PDB file of all heavy atoms in Angstrom:
ATOM      1  N   LEU A   1    -157.152  -4.358  47.555  1.00  0.00           N
ATOM      2  CA  LEU A   1    -158.256  -3.385  47.840  1.00  0.00           C
ATOM      3  C   LEU A   1    -159.323  -4.065  48.701  1.00  0.00           C
ATOM      4  O   LEU A   1    -159.938  -3.333  49.450  1.00  0.00           O
ATOM      5  CB  LEU A   1    -158.748  -2.997  46.511  1.00  0.00           C
ATOM      6  CG  LEU A   1    -157.748  -2.097  45.598  1.00  0.00           C
ATOM      7  CD1 LEU A   1    -158.439  -1.791  44.310  1.00  0.00           C
ATOM      8  CD2 LEU A   1    -157.352  -0.973  46.371  1.00  0.00           C
ATOM      9  N   GLN A   2    -159.668  -5.226  48.460  1.00  0.00           N
ATOM     10  CA  GLN A   2    -160.631  -5.939  49.180  1.00  0.00           C
ATOM     11  C   GLN A   2    -160.310  -5.895  50.649  1.00  0.00           C
ATOM     12  O   GLN A   2    -161.178  -5.567  51.597  1.00  0.00           O
ATOM     13  CB  GLN A   2    -160.930  -7.342  48.812  1.00  0.00           C
ATOM     14  CG  GLN A   2    -161.517  -7.496  47.418  1.00  0.00           C
ATOM     15  CD  GLN A   2    -161.681  -8.917  46.894  1.00  0.00           C
ATOM     16  OE1 GLN A   2    -161.061  -9.796  47.534  1.00  0.00           O
ATOM     17  NE2 GLN A   2    -162.324  -9.191  45.817  1.00  0.00           N
ATOM     18  N   HIS A   3    -159.096  -6.271  50.978  1.00  0.00           N
ATOM     19  CA  HIS A   3    -158.619  -6.477  52.398  1.00  0.00           C
ATOM     20  C   HIS A   3    -158.533  -5.084  52.984  1.00  0.00           C
ATOM     21  O   HIS A   3    -158.771  -4.940  54.293  1.00  0.00           O
ATOM     22  CB  HIS A   3    -157.371  -7.139  52.464  1.00  0.00           C
ATOM     23  CG  HIS A   3    -157.436  -8.691  52.336  1.00  0.00           C
ATOM     24  ND1 HIS A   3    -158.155  -9.422  53.374  1.00  0.00           N
ATOM     25  CD2 HIS A   3    -157.163  -9.513  51.346  1.00  0.00           C
ATOM     26  CE1 HIS A   3    -158.062 -10.683  53.005  1.00  0.00           C
ATOM     27  NE2 HIS A   3    -157.613 -10.781  51.806  1.00  0.00           N
ATOM     28  N   ILE A   4    -158.109  -4.011  52.360  1.00  0.00           N
ATOM     29  CA  ILE A   4    -157.879  -2.743  53.110  1.00  0.00           C
ATOM     30  C   ILE A   4    -159.227  -2.083  53.337  1.00  0.00           C
ATOM     31  O   ILE A   4    -159.202  -1.331  54.269  1.00  0.00           O
ATOM     32  CB  ILE A   4    -156.897  -1.835  52.342  1.00  0.00           C
ATOM     33  CG1 ILE A   4    -157.402  -1.336  50.980  1.00  0.00           C
ATOM     34  CG2 ILE A   4    -155.543  -2.444  52.260  1.00  0.00           C
ATOM     35  CD1 ILE A   4    -156.585  -0.254  50.397  1.00  0.00           C
ATOM     36  N   HIS A   5    -160.161  -2.240  52.503  1.00  0.00           N
ATOM     37  CA  HIS A   5    -161.402  -1.444  52.674  1.00  0.00           C
ATOM     38  C   HIS A   5    -162.638  -1.956  52.006  1.00  0.00           C
ATOM     39  O   HIS A   5    -163.728  -1.816  52.615  1.00  0.00           O
ATOM     40  CB  HIS A   5    -161.170   0.015  52.243  1.00  0.00           C
ATOM     41  CG  HIS A   5    -162.124   1.000  52.991  1.00  0.00           C
ATOM     42  ND1 HIS A   5    -162.204   1.110  54.321  1.00  0.00           N
ATOM     43  CD2 HIS A   5    -162.985   1.863  52.430  1.00  0.00           C
ATOM     44  CE1 HIS A   5    -163.102   1.957  54.621  1.00  0.00           C
ATOM     45  NE2 HIS A   5    -163.681   2.477  53.593  1.00  0.00           N
ATOM     46  N   TYR A   6    -162.637  -2.418  50.863  1.00  0.00           N
ATOM     47  CA  TYR A   6    -163.775  -2.927  50.096  1.00  0.00           C
ATOM     48  C   TYR A   6    -164.647  -3.839  50.815  1.00  0.00           C
ATOM     49  O   TYR A   6    -165.806  -3.721  50.913  1.00  0.00           O
ATOM     50  CB  TYR A   6    -163.377  -3.451  48.743  1.00  0.00           C
ATOM     51  CG  TYR A   6    -163.143  -2.497  47.674  1.00  0.00           C
ATOM     52  CD1 TYR A   6    -162.105  -1.477  47.790  1.00  0.00           C
ATOM     53  CD2 TYR A   6    -163.935  -2.358  46.544  1.00  0.00           C
ATOM     54  CE1 TYR A   6    -161.900  -0.532  46.793  1.00  0.00           C
ATOM     55  CE2 TYR A   6    -163.754  -1.476  45.498  1.00  0.00           C
ATOM     56  CZ  TYR A   6    -162.757  -0.500  45.688  1.00  0.00           C
ATOM     57  OH  TYR A   6    -162.426   0.407  44.749  1.00  0.00           O
ATOM     58  N   THR A   7    -163.988  -4.860  51.486  1.00  0.00           N
ATOM     59  CA  THR A   7    -164.761  -5.869  52.239  1.00  0.00           C
ATOM     60  C   THR A   7    -165.425  -5.228  53.488  1.00  0.00           C
ATOM     61  O   THR A   7    -166.526  -5.694  53.878  1.00  0.00           O
ATOM     62  CB  THR A   7    -163.820  -6.983  52.667  1.00  0.00           C
ATOM     63  OG1 THR A   7    -163.307  -7.643  51.556  1.00  0.00           O
ATOM     64  CG2 THR A   7    -164.705  -8.070  53.445  1.00  0.00           C
ATOM     65  N   HIS A   8    -164.786  -4.166  53.972  1.00  0.00           N
ATOM     66  CA  HIS A   8    -165.364  -3.519  55.147  1.00  0.00           C
ATOM     67  C   HIS A   8    -166.731  -2.818  54.745  1.00  0.00           C
ATOM     68  O   HIS A   8    -167.700  -2.767  55.591  1.00  0.00           O
ATOM     69  CB  HIS A   8    -164.417  -2.385  55.625  1.00  0.00           C
ATOM     70  CG  HIS A   8    -164.931  -1.470  56.704  1.00  0.00           C
ATOM     71  ND1 HIS A   8    -165.515  -2.005  57.856  1.00  0.00           N
ATOM     72  CD2 HIS A   8    -164.989  -0.201  56.862  1.00  0.00           C
ATOM     73  CE1 HIS A   8    -165.983  -1.014  58.635  1.00  0.00           C
ATOM     74  NE2 HIS A   8    -165.662   0.017  58.104  1.00  0.00           N
ATOM     75  N   HIS A   9    -166.918  -2.311  53.568  1.00  0.00           N
ATOM     76  CA  HIS A   9    -168.106  -1.778  53.131  1.00  0.00           C
ATOM     77  C   HIS A   9    -169.123  -2.826  52.917  1.00  0.00           C
ATOM     78  O   HIS A   9    -170.349  -2.554  53.077  1.00  0.00           O
ATOM     79  CB  HIS A   9    -167.914  -0.903  51.851  1.00  0.00           C
ATOM     80  CG  HIS A   9    -167.543   0.484  52.121  1.00  0.00           C
ATOM     81  ND1 HIS A   9    -168.541   1.446  52.097  1.00  0.00           N
ATOM     82  CD2 HIS A   9    -166.391   1.107  52.450  1.00  0.00           C
ATOM     83  CE1 HIS A   9    -168.057   2.657  52.484  1.00  0.00           C
ATOM     84  NE2 HIS A   9    -166.734   2.428  52.649  1.00  0.00           N
ATOM     85  N   SER A  10    -168.793  -3.995  52.383  1.00  0.00           N
ATOM     86  CA  SER A  10    -169.716  -5.079  52.138  1.00  0.00           C
ATOM     87  C   SER A  10    -170.092  -5.786  53.382  1.00  0.00           C
ATOM     88  O   SER A  10    -171.204  -6.364  53.499  1.00  0.00           O
ATOM     89  CB  SER A  10    -169.143  -6.135  51.049  1.00  0.00           C
ATOM     90  OG  SER A  10    -167.987  -6.801  51.560  1.00  0.00           O
ATOM     91  N   ALA A  11    -169.210  -5.873  54.432  1.00  0.00           N
ATOM     92  CA  ALA A  11    -169.487  -6.479  55.732  1.00  0.00           C
ATOM     93  C   ALA A  11    -168.994  -5.501  56.837  1.00  0.00           C
ATOM     94  O   ALA A  11    -167.939  -5.822  57.532  1.00  0.00           O
ATOM     95  CB  ALA A  11    -168.715  -7.797  55.807  1.00  0.00           C
ATOM     96  N   PRO A  12    -169.720  -4.403  57.034  1.00  0.00           N
ATOM     97  CA  PRO A  12    -169.295  -3.299  57.950  1.00  0.00           C
ATOM     98  C   PRO A  12    -169.132  -3.734  59.486  1.00  0.00           C
ATOM     99  O   PRO A  12    -168.577  -3.008  60.230  1.00  0.00           O
ATOM    100  CB  PRO A  12    -170.310  -2.209  57.756  1.00  0.00           C
ATOM    101  CG  PRO A  12    -171.479  -2.883  57.194  1.00  0.00           C
ATOM    102  CD  PRO A  12    -170.936  -4.040  56.378  1.00  0.00           C
ATOM    103  N   LYS A  13    -169.702  -4.880  59.796  1.00  0.00           N
ATOM    104  CA  LYS A  13    -169.663  -5.301  61.237  1.00  0.00           C
ATOM    105  C   LYS A  13    -168.605  -6.361  61.517  1.00  0.00           C
ATOM    106  O   LYS A  13    -168.459  -6.796  62.601  1.00  0.00           O
ATOM    107  CB  LYS A  13    -171.041  -5.777  61.779  1.00  0.00           C
ATOM    108  CG  LYS A  13    -172.149  -4.664  61.802  1.00  0.00           C
ATOM    109  CD  LYS A  13    -173.272  -5.172  62.489  1.00  0.00           C
ATOM    110  CE  LYS A  13    -174.436  -3.948  62.708  1.00  0.00           C
ATOM    111  NZ  LYS A  13    -173.819  -2.919  63.647  1.00  0.00           N
ATOM    112  N   ASP A  14    -167.965  -6.763  60.439  1.00  0.00           N
ATOM    113  CA  ASP A  14    -166.847  -7.659  60.590  1.00  0.00           C
ATOM    114  C   ASP A  14    -165.637  -7.114  61.280  1.00  0.00           C
ATOM    115  O   ASP A  14    -165.025  -6.217  60.687  1.00  0.00           O
ATOM    116  CB  ASP A  14    -166.382  -8.284  59.205  1.00  0.00           C
ATOM    117  CG  ASP A  14    -165.548  -9.462  59.344  1.00  0.00           C
ATOM    118  OD1 ASP A  14    -164.677  -9.517  60.369  1.00  0.00           O
ATOM    119  OD2 ASP A  14    -165.610 -10.335  58.516  1.00  0.00           O
ATOM    120  N   LEU A  15    -165.292  -7.498  62.500  1.00  0.00           N
ATOM    121  CA  LEU A  15    -164.305  -6.949  63.288  1.00  0.00           C
ATOM    122  C   LEU A  15    -162.919  -6.935  62.617  1.00  0.00           C
ATOM    123  O   LEU A  15    -161.983  -6.073  62.777  1.00  0.00           O
ATOM    124  CB  LEU A  15    -164.072  -7.737  64.638  1.00  0.00           C
ATOM    125  CG  LEU A  15    -165.269  -7.345  65.619  1.00  0.00           C
ATOM    126  CD1 LEU A  15    -165.031  -8.281  66.873  1.00  0.00           C
ATOM    127  CD2 LEU A  15    -165.440  -5.950  66.003  1.00  0.00           C
ATOM    128  N   ASN A  16    -162.701  -8.013  61.749  1.00  0.00           N
ATOM    129  CA  ASN A  16    -161.314  -8.131  61.158  1.00  0.00           C
ATOM    130  C   ASN A  16    -161.239  -7.113  60.034  1.00  0.00           C
ATOM    131  O   ASN A  16    -160.039  -6.861  59.594  1.00  0.00           O
ATOM    132  CB  ASN A  16    -161.215  -9.554  60.439  1.00  0.00           C
ATOM    133  CG  ASN A  16    -161.109 -10.687  61.459  1.00  0.00           C
ATOM    134  OD1 ASN A  16    -160.409 -10.497  62.508  1.00  0.00           O
ATOM    135  ND2 ASN A  16    -161.786 -11.772  61.172  1.00  0.00           N
ATOM    136  N   TYR A  17    -162.287  -6.473  59.668  1.00  0.00           N
ATOM    137  CA  TYR A  17    -162.187  -5.328  58.640  1.00  0.00           C
ATOM    138  C   TYR A  17    -162.380  -3.922  59.270  1.00  0.00           C
ATOM    139  O   TYR A  17    -162.246  -3.004  58.616  1.00  0.00           O
ATOM    140  CB  TYR A  17    -162.984  -5.602  57.448  1.00  0.00           C
ATOM    141  CG  TYR A  17    -162.551  -6.893  56.761  1.00  0.00           C
ATOM    142  CD1 TYR A  17    -163.204  -8.119  56.929  1.00  0.00           C
ATOM    143  CD2 TYR A  17    -161.424  -6.797  55.866  1.00  0.00           C
ATOM    144  CE1 TYR A  17    -162.775  -9.231  56.230  1.00  0.00           C
ATOM    145  CE2 TYR A  17    -160.924  -7.968  55.266  1.00  0.00           C
ATOM    146  CZ  TYR A  17    -161.655  -9.121  55.439  1.00  0.00           C
ATOM    147  OH  TYR A  17    -161.202 -10.332  54.858  1.00  0.00           O
ATOM    148  N   ILE A  18    -162.828  -3.996  60.483  1.00  0.00           N
ATOM    149  CA  ILE A  18    -163.096  -2.654  61.199  1.00  0.00           C
ATOM    150  C   ILE A  18    -161.797  -2.124  61.706  1.00  0.00           C
ATOM    151  O   ILE A  18    -161.399  -0.976  61.499  1.00  0.00           O
ATOM    152  CB  ILE A  18    -164.114  -2.818  62.364  1.00  0.00           C
ATOM    153  CG1 ILE A  18    -165.473  -3.128  61.841  1.00  0.00           C
ATOM    154  CG2 ILE A  18    -164.102  -1.592  63.290  1.00  0.00           C
ATOM    155  CD1 ILE A  18    -166.532  -3.379  62.976  1.00  0.00           C
ATOM    156  N   PHE A  19    -160.997  -3.071  62.325  1.00  0.00           N
ATOM    157  CA  PHE A  19    -159.665  -2.689  62.785  1.00  0.00           C
ATOM    158  C   PHE A  19    -158.590  -2.972  61.709  1.00  0.00           C
ATOM    159  O   PHE A  19    -158.558  -4.048  61.006  1.00  0.00           O
ATOM    160  CB  PHE A  19    -159.357  -3.538  64.013  1.00  0.00           C
ATOM    161  CG  PHE A  19    -160.113  -3.170  65.195  1.00  0.00           C
ATOM    162  CD1 PHE A  19    -161.261  -4.060  65.474  1.00  0.00           C
ATOM    163  CD2 PHE A  19    -159.849  -2.312  66.067  1.00  0.00           C
ATOM    164  CE1 PHE A  19    -162.090  -3.709  66.601  1.00  0.00           C
ATOM    165  CE2 PHE A  19    -160.629  -1.863  67.160  1.00  0.00           C
ATOM    166  CZ  PHE A  19    -161.784  -2.763  67.413  1.00  0.00           C
ATOM    167  N   ALA A  20    -157.678  -2.021  61.501  1.00  0.00           N
ATOM    168  CA  ALA A  20    -156.542  -2.160  60.592  1.00  0.00           C
ATOM    169  C   ALA A  20    -155.708  -3.320  61.111  1.00  0.00           C
ATOM    170  O   ALA A  20    -155.385  -3.246  62.167  1.00  0.00           O
ATOM    171  CB  ALA A  20    -155.857  -0.862  60.459  1.00  0.00           C
ATOM    172  N   GLN A  21    -155.263  -4.139  60.144  1.00  0.00           N
ATOM    173  CA  GLN A  21    -154.467  -5.284  60.618  1.00  0.00           C
ATOM    174  C   GLN A  21    -152.970  -4.923  60.549  1.00  0.00           C
ATOM    175  O   GLN A  21    -152.512  -3.948  59.878  1.00  0.00           O
ATOM    176  CB  GLN A  21    -154.849  -6.506  59.652  1.00  0.00           C
ATOM    177  CG  GLN A  21    -156.240  -6.892  59.745  1.00  0.00           C
ATOM    178  CD  GLN A  21    -156.511  -8.071  58.779  1.00  0.00           C
ATOM    179  OE1 GLN A  21    -155.772  -8.707  58.162  1.00  0.00           O
ATOM    180  NE2 GLN A  21    -157.811  -8.262  58.663  1.00  0.00           N
ATOM    181  N   PHE A  22    -152.139  -5.677  61.237  1.00  0.00           N
ATOM    182  CA  PHE A  22    -150.689  -5.460  61.362  1.00  0.00           C
ATOM    183  C   PHE A  22    -150.045  -5.309  59.995  1.00  0.00           C
ATOM    184  O   PHE A  22    -149.116  -4.455  59.939  1.00  0.00           O
ATOM    185  CB  PHE A  22    -150.097  -6.638  62.228  1.00  0.00           C
ATOM    186  CG  PHE A  22    -150.278  -6.497  63.652  1.00  0.00           C
ATOM    187  CD1 PHE A  22    -150.902  -7.661  64.314  1.00  0.00           C
ATOM    188  CD2 PHE A  22    -149.963  -5.365  64.399  1.00  0.00           C
ATOM    189  CE1 PHE A  22    -151.138  -7.551  65.702  1.00  0.00           C
ATOM    190  CE2 PHE A  22    -150.073  -5.318  65.776  1.00  0.00           C
ATOM    191  CZ  PHE A  22    -150.735  -6.368  66.413  1.00  0.00           C
ATOM    192  N   TRP A  23    -150.275  -5.992  59.085  1.00  0.00           N
ATOM    193  CA  TRP A  23    -149.607  -6.004  57.713  1.00  0.00           C
ATOM    194  C   TRP A  23    -149.707  -4.627  57.130  1.00  0.00           C
ATOM    195  O   TRP A  23    -148.898  -4.269  56.237  1.00  0.00           O
ATOM    196  CB  TRP A  23    -150.094  -7.106  56.828  1.00  0.00           C
ATOM    197  CG  TRP A  23    -151.510  -6.991  56.353  1.00  0.00           C
ATOM    198  CD1 TRP A  23    -152.614  -7.686  57.017  1.00  0.00           C
ATOM    199  CD2 TRP A  23    -151.982  -6.355  55.214  1.00  0.00           C
ATOM    200  NE1 TRP A  23    -153.677  -7.390  56.233  1.00  0.00           N
ATOM    201  CE2 TRP A  23    -153.351  -6.608  55.255  1.00  0.00           C
ATOM    202  CE3 TRP A  23    -151.454  -5.578  54.292  1.00  0.00           C
ATOM    203  CZ2 TRP A  23    -154.180  -5.992  54.259  1.00  0.00           C
ATOM    204  CZ3 TRP A  23    -152.224  -5.115  53.241  1.00  0.00           C
ATOM    205  CH2 TRP A  23    -153.556  -5.326  53.289  1.00  0.00           C
ATOM    206  N   LEU A  24    -150.737  -3.900  57.546  1.00  0.00           N
ATOM    207  CA  LEU A  24    -151.005  -2.614  57.008  1.00  0.00           C
ATOM    208  C   LEU A  24    -150.531  -1.547  57.910  1.00  0.00           C
ATOM    209  O   LEU A  24    -149.819  -0.479  57.444  1.00  0.00           O
ATOM    210  CB  LEU A  24    -152.528  -2.374  56.732  1.00  0.00           C
ATOM    211  CG  LEU A  24    -152.889  -1.086  55.984  1.00  0.00           C
ATOM    212  CD1 LEU A  24    -152.294  -1.031  54.543  1.00  0.00           C
ATOM    213  CD2 LEU A  24    -154.428  -1.002  55.878  1.00  0.00           C
ATOM    214  N   THR A  25    -150.641  -1.682  59.299  1.00  0.00           N
ATOM    215  CA  THR A  25    -150.269  -0.589  60.264  1.00  0.00           C
ATOM    216  C   THR A  25    -148.750  -0.579  60.484  1.00  0.00           C
ATOM    217  O   THR A  25    -148.243   0.506  60.772  1.00  0.00           O
ATOM    218  CB  THR A  25    -151.108  -0.816  61.537  1.00  0.00           C
ATOM    219  OG1 THR A  25    -150.778  -2.105  62.083  1.00  0.00           O
ATOM    220  CG2 THR A  25    -152.635  -0.699  61.256  1.00  0.00           C
ATOM    221  N   ILE A  26    -148.199  -1.747  60.522  1.00  0.00           N
ATOM    222  CA  ILE A  26    -146.688  -1.695  60.859  1.00  0.00           C
ATOM    223  C   ILE A  26    -145.864  -1.058  59.882  1.00  0.00           C
ATOM    224  O   ILE A  26    -145.080  -0.180  60.109  1.00  0.00           O
ATOM    225  CB  ILE A  26    -146.170  -3.195  61.121  1.00  0.00           C
ATOM    226  CG1 ILE A  26    -146.970  -3.817  62.257  1.00  0.00           C
ATOM    227  CG2 ILE A  26    -144.587  -3.105  61.264  1.00  0.00           C
ATOM    228  CD1 ILE A  26    -146.688  -3.115  63.646  1.00  0.00           C
ATOM    229  N   PRO A  27    -145.988  -1.194  58.554  1.00  0.00           N
ATOM    230  CA  PRO A  27    -145.460  -0.395  57.596  1.00  0.00           C
ATOM    231  C   PRO A  27    -145.717   1.076  57.787  1.00  0.00           C
ATOM    232  O   PRO A  27    -144.777   1.939  57.522  1.00  0.00           O
ATOM    233  CB  PRO A  27    -145.858  -0.945  56.227  1.00  0.00           C
ATOM    234  CG  PRO A  27    -146.204  -2.349  56.454  1.00  0.00           C
ATOM    235  CD  PRO A  27    -146.893  -2.320  57.915  1.00  0.00           C
ATOM    236  N   GLY A  28    -146.914   1.429  58.013  1.00  0.00           N
ATOM    237  CA  GLY A  28    -147.329   2.769  58.243  1.00  0.00           C
ATOM    238  C   GLY A  28    -146.641   3.469  59.420  1.00  0.00           C
ATOM    239  O   GLY A  28    -146.148   4.514  59.342  1.00  0.00           O
ATOM    240  N   LEU A  29    -146.458   2.595  60.504  1.00  0.00           N
ATOM    241  CA  LEU A  29    -145.790   3.091  61.706  1.00  0.00           C
ATOM    242  C   LEU A  29    -144.333   3.333  61.372  1.00  0.00           C
ATOM    243  O   LEU A  29    -143.767   4.322  61.774  1.00  0.00           O
ATOM    244  CB  LEU A  29    -145.987   1.969  62.703  1.00  0.00           C
ATOM    245  CG  LEU A  29    -145.221   2.267  64.138  1.00  0.00           C
ATOM    246  CD1 LEU A  29    -145.959   3.359  64.738  1.00  0.00           C
ATOM    247  CD2 LEU A  29    -145.185   1.024  64.958  1.00  0.00           C
ATOM    248  N   ILE A  30    -143.691   2.439  60.706  1.00  0.00           N
ATOM    249  CA  ILE A  30    -142.292   2.694  60.324  1.00  0.00           C
ATOM    250  C   ILE A  30    -142.079   3.859  59.430  1.00  0.00           C
ATOM    251  O   ILE A  30    -141.142   4.648  59.617  1.00  0.00           O
ATOM    252  CB  ILE A  30    -141.722   1.395  59.545  1.00  0.00           C
ATOM    253  CG1 ILE A  30    -141.694   0.093  60.528  1.00  0.00           C
ATOM    254  CG2 ILE A  30    -140.365   1.604  59.056  1.00  0.00           C
ATOM    255  CD1 ILE A  30    -141.404  -1.158  59.903  1.00  0.00           C
ATOM    256  N   PHE A  31    -142.918   4.002  58.560  1.00  0.00           N
ATOM    257  CA  PHE A  31    -142.862   5.245  57.539  1.00  0.00           C
ATOM    258  C   PHE A  31    -143.038   6.433  58.372  1.00  0.00           C
ATOM    259  O   PHE A  31    -142.229   7.494  58.188  1.00  0.00           O
ATOM    260  CB  PHE A  31    -144.009   5.032  56.552  1.00  0.00           C
ATOM    261  CG  PHE A  31    -144.064   6.385  55.743  1.00  0.00           C
ATOM    262  CD1 PHE A  31    -143.197   6.450  54.642  1.00  0.00           C
ATOM    263  CD2 PHE A  31    -145.070   7.232  55.957  1.00  0.00           C
ATOM    264  CE1 PHE A  31    -143.377   7.713  53.762  1.00  0.00           C
ATOM    265  CE2 PHE A  31    -145.116   8.421  55.241  1.00  0.00           C
ATOM    266  CZ  PHE A  31    -144.158   8.720  54.192  1.00  0.00           C
ATOM    267  N   ASP A  32    -144.013   6.484  59.341  1.00  0.00           N
ATOM    268  CA  ASP A  32    -144.224   7.778  60.170  1.00  0.00           C
ATOM    269  C   ASP A  32    -142.940   8.019  61.039  1.00  0.00           C
ATOM    270  O   ASP A  32    -142.607   9.150  61.217  1.00  0.00           O
ATOM    271  CB  ASP A  32    -145.476   7.534  61.000  1.00  0.00           C
ATOM    272  CG  ASP A  32    -146.691   7.600  60.198  1.00  0.00           C
ATOM    273  OD1 ASP A  32    -146.638   8.183  59.144  1.00  0.00           O
ATOM    274  OD2 ASP A  32    -147.826   7.050  60.706  1.00  0.00           O
ATOM    275  N   LEU A  33    -142.413   6.911  61.553  1.00  0.00           N
ATOM    276  CA  LEU A  33    -141.263   6.970  62.421  1.00  0.00           C
ATOM    277  C   LEU A  33    -139.978   7.645  61.676  1.00  0.00           C
ATOM    278  O   LEU A  33    -139.454   8.604  62.034  1.00  0.00           O
ATOM    279  CB  LEU A  33    -140.839   5.618  62.920  1.00  0.00           C
ATOM    280  CG  LEU A  33    -139.559   5.567  63.853  1.00  0.00           C
ATOM    281  CD1 LEU A  33    -139.691   6.415  65.106  1.00  0.00           C
ATOM    282  CD2 LEU A  33    -139.313   4.181  64.233  1.00  0.00           C
ATOM    283  N   LEU A  34    -139.812   7.154  60.379  1.00  0.00           N
ATOM    284  CA  LEU A  34    -138.609   7.561  59.682  1.00  0.00           C
ATOM    285  C   LEU A  34    -138.914   8.958  59.166  1.00  0.00           C
ATOM    286  O   LEU A  34    -137.946   9.965  59.189  1.00  0.00           O
ATOM    287  CB  LEU A  34    -138.485   6.694  58.431  1.00  0.00           C
ATOM    288  CG  LEU A  34    -137.949   5.217  58.720  1.00  0.00           C
ATOM    289  CD1 LEU A  34    -137.882   4.449  57.410  1.00  0.00           C
ATOM    290  CD2 LEU A  34    -136.601   5.328  59.396  1.00  0.00           C
ATOM    291  N   LEU A  35    -140.104   9.397  58.742  1.00  0.00           N
ATOM    292  CA  LEU A  35    -140.442  10.721  58.360  1.00  0.00           C
ATOM    293  C   LEU A  35    -140.384  11.714  59.443  1.00  0.00           C
ATOM    294  O   LEU A  35    -139.738  12.760  59.392  1.00  0.00           O
ATOM    295  CB  LEU A  35    -141.967  10.698  57.926  1.00  0.00           C
ATOM    296  CG  LEU A  35    -142.496  12.032  57.357  1.00  0.00           C
ATOM    297  CD1 LEU A  35    -141.597  12.556  56.140  1.00  0.00           C
ATOM    298  CD2 LEU A  35    -143.991  11.976  56.962  1.00  0.00           C
ATOM    299  N   ALA A  36    -140.841  11.262  60.770  1.00  0.00           N
ATOM    300  CA  ALA A  36    -140.685  12.264  61.858  1.00  0.00           C
ATOM    301  C   ALA A  36    -139.275  12.457  62.294  1.00  0.00           C
ATOM    302  O   ALA A  36    -138.762  13.544  62.571  1.00  0.00           O
ATOM    303  CB  ALA A  36    -141.477  11.615  62.984  1.00  0.00           C
ATOM    304  N   TYR A  37    -138.503  11.382  62.178  1.00  0.00           N
ATOM    305  CA  TYR A  37    -137.033  11.500  62.546  1.00  0.00           C
ATOM    306  C   TYR A  37    -136.287  12.343  61.572  1.00  0.00           C
ATOM    307  O   TYR A  37    -135.441  13.124  61.857  1.00  0.00           O
ATOM    308  CB  TYR A  37    -136.309  10.019  62.458  1.00  0.00           C
ATOM    309  CG  TYR A  37    -134.913  10.011  62.996  1.00  0.00           C
ATOM    310  CD1 TYR A  37    -134.678  10.046  64.265  1.00  0.00           C
ATOM    311  CD2 TYR A  37    -133.853   9.840  62.095  1.00  0.00           C
ATOM    312  CE1 TYR A  37    -133.365  10.001  64.809  1.00  0.00           C
ATOM    313  CE2 TYR A  37    -132.513   9.828  62.486  1.00  0.00           C
ATOM    314  CZ  TYR A  37    -132.358   9.821  63.932  1.00  0.00           C
ATOM    315  OH  TYR A  37    -131.053   9.830  64.364  1.00  0.00           O
ATOM    316  N   PHE A  38    -136.702  12.223  60.249  1.00  0.00           N
ATOM    317  CA  PHE A  38    -136.075  13.161  59.232  1.00  0.00           C
ATOM    318  C   PHE A  38    -136.569  14.586  59.302  1.00  0.00           C
ATOM    319  O   PHE A  38    -135.648  15.490  59.269  1.00  0.00           O
ATOM    320  CB  PHE A  38    -136.527  12.617  57.730  1.00  0.00           C
ATOM    321  CG  PHE A  38    -136.035  13.450  56.698  1.00  0.00           C
ATOM    322  CD1 PHE A  38    -134.768  13.385  56.210  1.00  0.00           C
ATOM    323  CD2 PHE A  38    -136.977  14.287  56.061  1.00  0.00           C
ATOM    324  CE1 PHE A  38    -134.342  14.227  55.139  1.00  0.00           C
ATOM    325  CE2 PHE A  38    -136.465  15.190  54.986  1.00  0.00           C
ATOM    326  CZ  PHE A  38    -135.238  15.108  54.528  1.00  0.00           C
ATOM    327  N   ILE A  39    -137.795  14.865  59.545  1.00  0.00           N
ATOM    328  CA  ILE A  39    -138.303  16.163  59.636  1.00  0.00           C
ATOM    329  C   ILE A  39    -137.692  16.957  60.864  1.00  0.00           C
ATOM    330  O   ILE A  39    -137.329  17.993  60.858  1.00  0.00           O
ATOM    331  CB  ILE A  39    -139.813  16.164  59.747  1.00  0.00           C
ATOM    332  CG1 ILE A  39    -140.429  15.778  58.437  1.00  0.00           C
ATOM    333  CG2 ILE A  39    -140.289  17.536  60.213  1.00  0.00           C
ATOM    334  CD1 ILE A  39    -141.851  15.601  58.540  1.00  0.00           C
ATOM    335  N   THR A  40    -137.455  16.136  62.057  1.00  0.00           N
ATOM    336  CA  THR A  40    -136.864  16.892  63.187  1.00  0.00           C
ATOM    337  C   THR A  40    -135.377  16.920  63.196  1.00  0.00           C
ATOM    338  O   THR A  40    -134.741  17.207  64.162  1.00  0.00           O
ATOM    339  CB  THR A  40    -137.287  15.901  64.401  1.00  0.00           C
ATOM    340  OG1 THR A  40    -136.969  14.637  64.396  1.00  0.00           O
ATOM    341  CG2 THR A  40    -138.895  16.057  64.575  1.00  0.00           C
TER     342      THR A  40
END
C-alpha cells in the first residue's frame, strides 16, 4: 500500500511515486490485453 499510493501522499513530489512503476503497470497491461482479446 505504501508503494502504490500512500507514500505518494506523504511525499507528493517524489518522481518514483508520481509515475506508476513497471511492477504495477505491466500486470495491468497484460490484464487489459487479455480482457480486450476476450471481449472482442
